[in-house]
Amino acid sequence: MFKIMSLIVGGIVLMAMGVYVLSVTDVQFPSIQWPQIQLPDVNWVIVGWVVIVGGLVSAGTGLIASRLT
């Protein structure tokens, strides 16, 4: 169970980082068309804290569930 929760937490963190990178970067490669997401009113500090706290809660839940079985 802990491994599954770790994969979920890792996926959430990667998703949040990917959305952040796509919204703030202006990288232009001729062969790759990066999508540009316009998110002007996003407070990235709050998003970061939500991801960190959610990750810790999910990891703690997975750890407790793995100890119970």
PDB file of N, CA and C in Angstrom:
ATOM      1  N   MET A   1       0.821  -1.191   0.000  1.00  0.00           N
ATOM      2  CA  MET A   1       0.000   0.000   0.000  1.00  0.00           C
ATOM      3  C   MET A   1       0.868   1.258   0.000  1.00  0.00           C
ATOM      4  N   PHE A   2       1.982   1.198   0.736  1.00  0.00           N
ATOM      5  CA  PHE A   2       2.873   2.350   0.800  1.00  0.00           C
ATOM      6  C   PHE A   2       3.478   2.643  -0.566  1.00  0.00           C
ATOM      7  N   LYS A   3       3.790   1.600  -1.315  1.00  0.00           N
ATOM      8  CA  LYS A   3       4.351   1.801  -2.654  1.00  0.00           C
ATOM      9  C   LYS A   3       3.334   2.462  -3.573  1.00  0.00           C
ATOM     10  N   ILE A   4       2.084   2.045  -3.480  1.00  0.00           N
ATOM     11  CA  ILE A   4       1.035   2.640  -4.315  1.00  0.00           C
ATOM     12  C   ILE A   4       0.842   4.104  -3.959  1.00  0.00           C
ATOM     13  N   MET A   5       0.790   4.413  -2.664  1.00  0.00           N
ATOM     14  CA  MET A   5       0.626   5.803  -2.249  1.00  0.00           C
ATOM     15  C   MET A   5       1.836   6.639  -2.656  1.00  0.00           C
ATOM     16  N   SER A   6       3.021   6.059  -2.607  1.00  0.00           N
ATOM     17  CA  SER A   6       4.216   6.788  -3.043  1.00  0.00           C
ATOM     18  C   SER A   6       4.146   7.114  -4.523  1.00  0.00           C
ATOM     19  N   LEU A   7       3.659   6.184  -5.324  1.00  0.00           N
ATOM     20  CA  LEU A   7       3.497   6.457  -6.751  1.00  0.00           C
ATOM     21  C   LEU A   7       2.459   7.549  -6.995  1.00  0.00           C
ATOM     22  N   ILE A   8       1.384   7.531  -6.222  1.00  0.00           N
ATOM     23  CA  ILE A   8       0.361   8.574  -6.362  1.00  0.00           C
ATOM     24  C   ILE A   8       0.941   9.937  -5.991  1.00  0.00           C
ATOM     25  N   VAL A   9       1.667  10.000  -4.876  1.00  0.00           N
ATOM     26  CA  VAL A   9       2.275  11.262  -4.449  1.00  0.00           C
ATOM     27  C   VAL A   9       3.271  11.749  -5.491  1.00  0.00           C
ATOM     28  N   GLY A  10       4.092  10.842  -6.002  1.00  0.00           N
ATOM     29  CA  GLY A  10       5.048  11.226  -7.045  1.00  0.00           C
ATOM     30  C   GLY A  10       4.356  11.758  -8.285  1.00  0.00           C
ATOM     31  N   GLY A  11       3.265  11.137  -8.676  1.00  0.00           N
ATOM     32  CA  GLY A  11       2.512  11.609  -9.834  1.00  0.00           C
ATOM     33  C   GLY A  11       1.913  12.983  -9.616  1.00  0.00           C
ATOM     34  N   ILE A  12       1.398  13.227  -8.413  1.00  0.00           N
ATOM     35  CA  ILE A  12       0.826  14.540  -8.107  1.00  0.00           C
ATOM     36  C   ILE A  12       1.904  15.611  -8.141  1.00  0.00           C
ATOM     37  N   VAL A  13       3.062  15.325  -7.573  1.00  0.00           N
ATOM     38  CA  VAL A  13       4.159  16.298  -7.572  1.00  0.00           C
ATOM     39  C   VAL A  13       4.629  16.573  -8.991  1.00  0.00           C
ATOM     40  N   LEU A  14       4.798  15.529  -9.798  1.00  0.00           N
ATOM     41  CA  LEU A  14       5.222  15.735 -11.187  1.00  0.00           C
ATOM     42  C   LEU A  14       4.183  16.510 -11.982  1.00  0.00           C
ATOM     43  N   MET A  15       2.905  16.249 -11.735  1.00  0.00           N
ATOM     44  CA  MET A  15       1.854  16.984 -12.430  1.00  0.00           C
ATOM     45  C   MET A  15       1.896  18.462 -12.063  1.00  0.00           C
ATOM     46  N   ALA A  16       2.045  18.760 -10.778  1.00  0.00           N
ATOM     47  CA  ALA A  16       2.100  20.161 -10.350  1.00  0.00           C
ATOM     48  C   ALA A  16       3.325  20.860 -10.931  1.00  0.00           C
ATOM     49  N   MET A  17       4.463  20.172 -10.935  1.00  0.00           N
ATOM     50  CA  MET A  17       5.666  20.767 -11.521  1.00  0.00           C
ATOM     51  C   MET A  17       5.502  20.980 -13.015  1.00  0.00           C
ATOM     52  N   GLY A  18       4.868  20.047 -13.696  1.00  0.00           N
ATOM     53  CA  GLY A  18       4.650  20.180 -15.132  1.00  0.00           C
ATOM     54  C   GLY A  18       3.745  21.346 -15.474  1.00  0.00           C
ATOM     55  N   VAL A  19       2.669  21.517 -14.707  1.00  0.00           N
ATOM     56  CA  VAL A  19       1.774  22.652 -14.941  1.00  0.00           C
ATOM     57  C   VAL A  19       2.504  23.961 -14.673  1.00  0.00           C
ATOM     58  N   TYR A  20       3.325  23.981 -13.626  1.00  0.00           N
ATOM     59  CA  TYR A  20       4.093  25.192 -13.317  1.00  0.00           C
ATOM     60  C   TYR A  20       5.066  25.525 -14.445  1.00  0.00           C
ATOM     61  N   VAL A  21       5.793  24.519 -14.917  1.00  0.00           N
ATOM     62  CA  VAL A  21       6.770  24.752 -15.986  1.00  0.00           C
ATOM     63  C   VAL A  21       6.078  25.215 -17.260  1.00  0.00           C
ATOM     64  N   LEU A  22       4.963  24.586 -17.606  1.00  0.00           N
ATOM     65  CA  LEU A  22       4.254  24.985 -18.824  1.00  0.00           C
ATOM     66  C   LEU A  22       3.651  26.379 -18.717  1.00  0.00           C
ATOM     67  N   SER A  23       3.390  26.833 -17.502  1.00  0.00           N
ATOM     68  CA  SER A  23       2.760  28.143 -17.361  1.00  0.00           C
ATOM     69  C   SER A  23       3.767  29.281 -17.265  1.00  0.00           C
ATOM     70  N   VAL A  24       5.020  28.997 -16.897  1.00  0.00           N
ATOM     71  CA  VAL A  24       5.977  30.089 -16.723  1.00  0.00           C
ATOM     72  C   VAL A  24       7.094  30.101 -17.754  1.00  0.00           C
ATOM     73  N   THR A  25       7.307  29.021 -18.464  1.00  0.00           N
ATOM     74  CA  THR A  25       8.426  28.990 -19.397  1.00  0.00           C
ATOM     75  C   THR A  25       8.052  29.595 -20.730  1.00  0.00           C
ATOM     76  N   ASP A  26       9.070  30.059 -21.397  1.00  0.00           N
ATOM     77  CA  ASP A  26       8.901  30.572 -22.750  1.00  0.00           C
ATOM     78  C   ASP A  26       9.959  29.903 -23.631  1.00  0.00           C
ATOM     79  N   VAL A  27      10.048  28.581 -23.521  1.00  0.00           N
ATOM     80  CA  VAL A  27      11.043  27.812 -24.257  1.00  0.00           C
ATOM     81  C   VAL A  27      10.507  27.516 -25.648  1.00  0.00           C
ATOM     82  N   GLN A  28      11.295  27.799 -26.646  1.00  0.00           N
ATOM     83  CA  GLN A  28      10.894  27.554 -28.027  1.00  0.00           C
ATOM     84  C   GLN A  28      11.924  26.644 -28.697  1.00  0.00           C
ATOM     85  N   PHE A  29      11.508  25.464 -29.052  1.00  0.00           N
ATOM     86  CA  PHE A  29      12.331  24.556 -29.836  1.00  0.00           C
ATOM     87  C   PHE A  29      11.699  24.432 -31.213  1.00  0.00           C
ATOM     88  N   PRO A  30      12.499  24.409 -32.267  1.00  0.00           N
ATOM     89  CA  PRO A  30      11.890  24.328 -33.596  1.00  0.00           C
ATOM     90  C   PRO A  30      11.145  23.021 -33.846  1.00  0.00           C
ATOM     91  N   SER A  31      11.606  21.920 -33.248  1.00  0.00           N
ATOM     92  CA  SER A  31      10.981  20.633 -33.529  1.00  0.00           C
ATOM     93  C   SER A  31       9.841  20.303 -32.567  1.00  0.00           C
ATOM     94  N   ILE A  32       9.801  20.964 -31.417  1.00  0.00           N
ATOM     95  CA  ILE A  32       8.785  20.669 -30.404  1.00  0.00           C
ATOM     96  C   ILE A  32       7.970  21.930 -30.161  1.00  0.00           C
ATOM     97  N   GLN A  33       6.672  21.809 -30.259  1.00  0.00           N
ATOM     98  CA  GLN A  33       5.783  22.923 -29.951  1.00  0.00           C
ATOM     99  C   GLN A  33       5.273  22.754 -28.523  1.00  0.00           C
ATOM    100  N   TRP A  34       5.869  23.495 -27.594  1.00  0.00           N
ATOM    101  CA  TRP A  34       5.437  23.431 -26.205  1.00  0.00           C
ATOM    102  C   TRP A  34       4.106  24.139 -26.050  1.00  0.00           C
ATOM    103  N   PRO A  35       3.162  23.536 -25.363  1.00  0.00           N
ATOM    104  CA  PRO A  35       1.919  24.267 -25.099  1.00  0.00           C
ATOM    105  C   PRO A  35       2.176  25.365 -24.068  1.00  0.00           C
ATOM    106  N   GLN A  36       1.546  26.478 -24.237  1.00  0.00           N
ATOM    107  CA  GLN A  36       1.666  27.581 -23.285  1.00  0.00           C
ATOM    108  C   GLN A  36       0.339  27.730 -22.565  1.00  0.00           C
ATOM    109  N   ILE A  37       0.358  27.510 -21.277  1.00  0.00           N
ATOM    110  CA  ILE A  37      -0.852  27.616 -20.471  1.00  0.00           C
ATOM    111  C   ILE A  37      -0.868  29.006 -19.842  1.00  0.00           C
ATOM    112  N   GLN A  38      -1.937  29.724 -20.020  1.00  0.00           N
ATOM    113  CA  GLN A  38      -2.065  31.064 -19.453  1.00  0.00           C
ATOM    114  C   GLN A  38      -2.786  30.968 -18.110  1.00  0.00           C
ATOM    115  N   LEU A  39      -2.026  31.050 -17.031  1.00  0.00           N
ATOM    116  CA  LEU A  39      -2.588  31.023 -15.682  1.00  0.00           C
ATOM    117  C   LEU A  39      -2.072  32.241 -14.921  1.00  0.00           C
ATOM    118  N   PRO A  40      -2.606  33.422 -15.198  1.00  0.00           N
ATOM    119  CA  PRO A  40      -2.022  34.630 -14.614  1.00  0.00           C
ATOM    120  C   PRO A  40      -2.332  34.829 -13.130  1.00  0.00           C
ATOM    121  N   ASP A  41      -3.426  34.275 -12.644  1.00  0.00           N
ATOM    122  CA  ASP A  41      -3.845  34.566 -11.273  1.00  0.00           C
ATOM    123  C   ASP A  41      -3.626  33.399 -10.322  1.00  0.00           C
ATOM    124  N   VAL A  42      -2.656  32.553 -10.613  1.00  0.00           N
ATOM    125  CA  VAL A  42      -2.403  31.396  -9.762  1.00  0.00           C
ATOM    126  C   VAL A  42      -1.352  31.773  -8.723  1.00  0.00           C
ATOM    127  N   ASN A  43      -1.657  31.522  -7.472  1.00  0.00           N
ATOM    128  CA  ASN A  43      -0.697  31.742  -6.400  1.00  0.00           C
ATOM    129  C   ASN A  43       0.108  30.449  -6.231  1.00  0.00           C
ATOM    130  N   TRP A  44       1.325  30.425  -6.781  1.00  0.00           N
ATOM    131  CA  TRP A  44       2.110  29.196  -6.807  1.00  0.00           C
ATOM    132  C   TRP A  44       2.620  28.798  -5.430  1.00  0.00           C
ATOM    133  N   VAL A  45       2.682  29.739  -4.497  1.00  0.00           N
ATOM    134  CA  VAL A  45       3.065  29.386  -3.129  1.00  0.00           C
ATOM    135  C   VAL A  45       1.987  28.509  -2.505  1.00  0.00           C
ATOM    136  N   ILE A  46       0.728  28.879  -2.701  1.00  0.00           N
ATOM    137  CA  ILE A  46      -0.380  28.077  -2.174  1.00  0.00           C
ATOM    138  C   ILE A  46      -0.411  26.704  -2.844  1.00  0.00           C
ATOM    139  N   VAL A  47      -0.219  26.675  -4.160  1.00  0.00           N
ATOM    140  CA  VAL A  47      -0.204  25.392  -4.881  1.00  0.00           C
ATOM    141  C   VAL A  47       0.915  24.508  -4.344  1.00  0.00           C
ATOM    142  N   GLY A  48       2.085  25.087  -4.115  1.00  0.00           N
ATOM    143  CA  GLY A  48       3.210  24.322  -3.572  1.00  0.00           C
ATOM    144  C   GLY A  48       2.914  23.751  -2.201  1.00  0.00           C
ATOM    145  N   TRP A  49       2.329  24.573  -1.319  1.00  0.00           N
ATOM    146  CA  TRP A  49       1.995  24.090   0.015  1.00  0.00           C
ATOM    147  C   TRP A  49       0.929  23.006  -0.027  1.00  0.00           C
ATOM    148  N   VAL A  50      -0.048  23.151  -0.898  1.00  0.00           N
ATOM    149  CA  VAL A  50      -1.083  22.122  -1.025  1.00  0.00           C
ATOM    150  C   VAL A  50      -0.472  20.807  -1.497  1.00  0.00           C
ATOM    151  N   VAL A  51       0.448  20.877  -2.462  1.00  0.00           N
ATOM    152  CA  VAL A  51       1.103  19.660  -2.953  1.00  0.00           C
ATOM    153  C   VAL A  51       1.946  19.028  -1.854  1.00  0.00           C
ATOM    154  N   ILE A  52       2.697  19.846  -1.107  1.00  0.00           N
ATOM    155  CA  ILE A  52       3.553  19.307  -0.044  1.00  0.00           C
ATOM    156  C   ILE A  52       2.710  18.679   1.063  1.00  0.00           C
ATOM    157  N   VAL A  53       1.704  19.399   1.545  1.00  0.00           N
ATOM    158  CA  VAL A  53       0.870  18.874   2.634  1.00  0.00           C
ATOM    159  C   VAL A  53       0.080  17.655   2.162  1.00  0.00           C
ATOM    160  N   GLY A  54      -0.475  17.719   0.957  1.00  0.00           N
ATOM    161  CA  GLY A  54      -1.196  16.565   0.418  1.00  0.00           C
ATOM    162  C   GLY A  54      -0.293  15.357   0.250  1.00  0.00           C
ATOM    163  N   GLY A  55       0.934  15.591  -0.189  1.00  0.00           N
ATOM    164  CA  GLY A  55       1.890  14.496  -0.326  1.00  0.00           C
ATOM    165  C   GLY A  55       2.234  13.870   1.012  1.00  0.00           C
ATOM    166  N   LEU A  56       2.440  14.712   2.028  1.00  0.00           N
ATOM    167  CA  LEU A  56       2.749  14.186   3.358  1.00  0.00           C
ATOM    168  C   LEU A  56       1.572  13.410   3.945  1.00  0.00           C
ATOM    169  N   VAL A  57       0.372  13.920   3.749  1.00  0.00           N
ATOM    170  CA  VAL A  57      -0.815  13.219   4.253  1.00  0.00           C
ATOM    171  C   VAL A  57      -0.985  11.881   3.545  1.00  0.00           C
ATOM    172  N   SER A  58      -0.813  11.867   2.227  1.00  0.00           N
ATOM    173  CA  SER A  58      -0.945  10.611   1.476  1.00  0.00           C
ATOM    174  C   SER A  58       0.146   9.621   1.864  1.00  0.00           C
ATOM    175  N   ALA A  59       1.375  10.117   2.034  1.00  0.00           N
ATOM    176  CA  ALA A  59       2.467   9.228   2.431  1.00  0.00           C
ATOM    177  C   ALA A  59       2.226   8.683   3.836  1.00  0.00           C
ATOM    178  N   GLY A  60       1.743   9.524   4.742  1.00  0.00           N
ATOM    179  CA  GLY A  60       1.429   9.057   6.092  1.00  0.00           C
ATOM    180  C   GLY A  60       0.317   8.029   6.099  1.00  0.00           C
ATOM    181  N   THR A  61      -0.697   8.265   5.282  1.00  0.00           N
ATOM    182  CA  THR A  61      -1.792   7.297   5.169  1.00  0.00           C
ATOM    183  C   THR A  61      -1.285   5.964   4.633  1.00  0.00           C
ATOM    184  N   GLY A  62      -0.434   6.016   3.617  1.00  0.00           N
ATOM    185  CA  GLY A  62       0.136   4.785   3.070  1.00  0.00           C
ATOM    186  C   GLY A  62       0.998   4.057   4.084  1.00  0.00           C
ATOM    187  N   LEU A  63       1.767   4.807   4.875  1.00  0.00           N
ATOM    188  CA  LEU A  63       2.618   4.200   5.894  1.00  0.00           C
ATOM    189  C   LEU A  63       1.774   3.530   6.974  1.00  0.00           C
ATOM    190  N   ILE A  64       0.745   4.213   7.428  1.00  0.00           N
ATOM    191  CA  ILE A  64      -0.138   3.633   8.449  1.00  0.00           C
ATOM    192  C   ILE A  64      -0.862   2.406   7.900  1.00  0.00           C
ATOM    193  N   ALA A  65      -1.342   2.491   6.668  1.00  0.00           N
ATOM    194  CA  ALA A  65      -2.045   1.349   6.074  1.00  0.00           C
ATOM    195  C   ALA A  65      -1.109   0.164   5.887  1.00  0.00           C
ATOM    196  N   SER A  66       0.158   0.426   5.569  1.00  0.00           N
ATOM    197  CA  SER A  66       1.087  -0.690   5.390  1.00  0.00           C
ATOM    198  C   SER A  66       1.436  -1.338   6.727  1.00  0.00           C
ATOM    199  N   ARG A  67       1.367  -0.591   7.811  1.00  0.00           N
ATOM    200  CA  ARG A  67       1.646  -1.157   9.136  1.00  0.00           C
ATOM    201  C   ARG A  67       0.464  -1.962   9.671  1.00  0.00           C
ATOM    202  N   LEU A  68      -0.748  -1.642   9.232  1.00  0.00           N
ATOM    203  CA  LEU A  68      -1.933  -2.325   9.741  1.00  0.00           C
ATOM    204  C   LEU A  68      -2.114  -3.710   9.140  1.00  0.00           C
ATOM    205  N   THR A  69      -1.592  -3.931   7.943  1.00  0.00           N
ATOM    206  CA  THR A  69      -1.824  -5.223   7.295  1.00  0.00           C
ATOM    207  C   THR A  69      -0.708  -6.191   7.571  1.00  0.00           C
TER     208      THR A  69
END
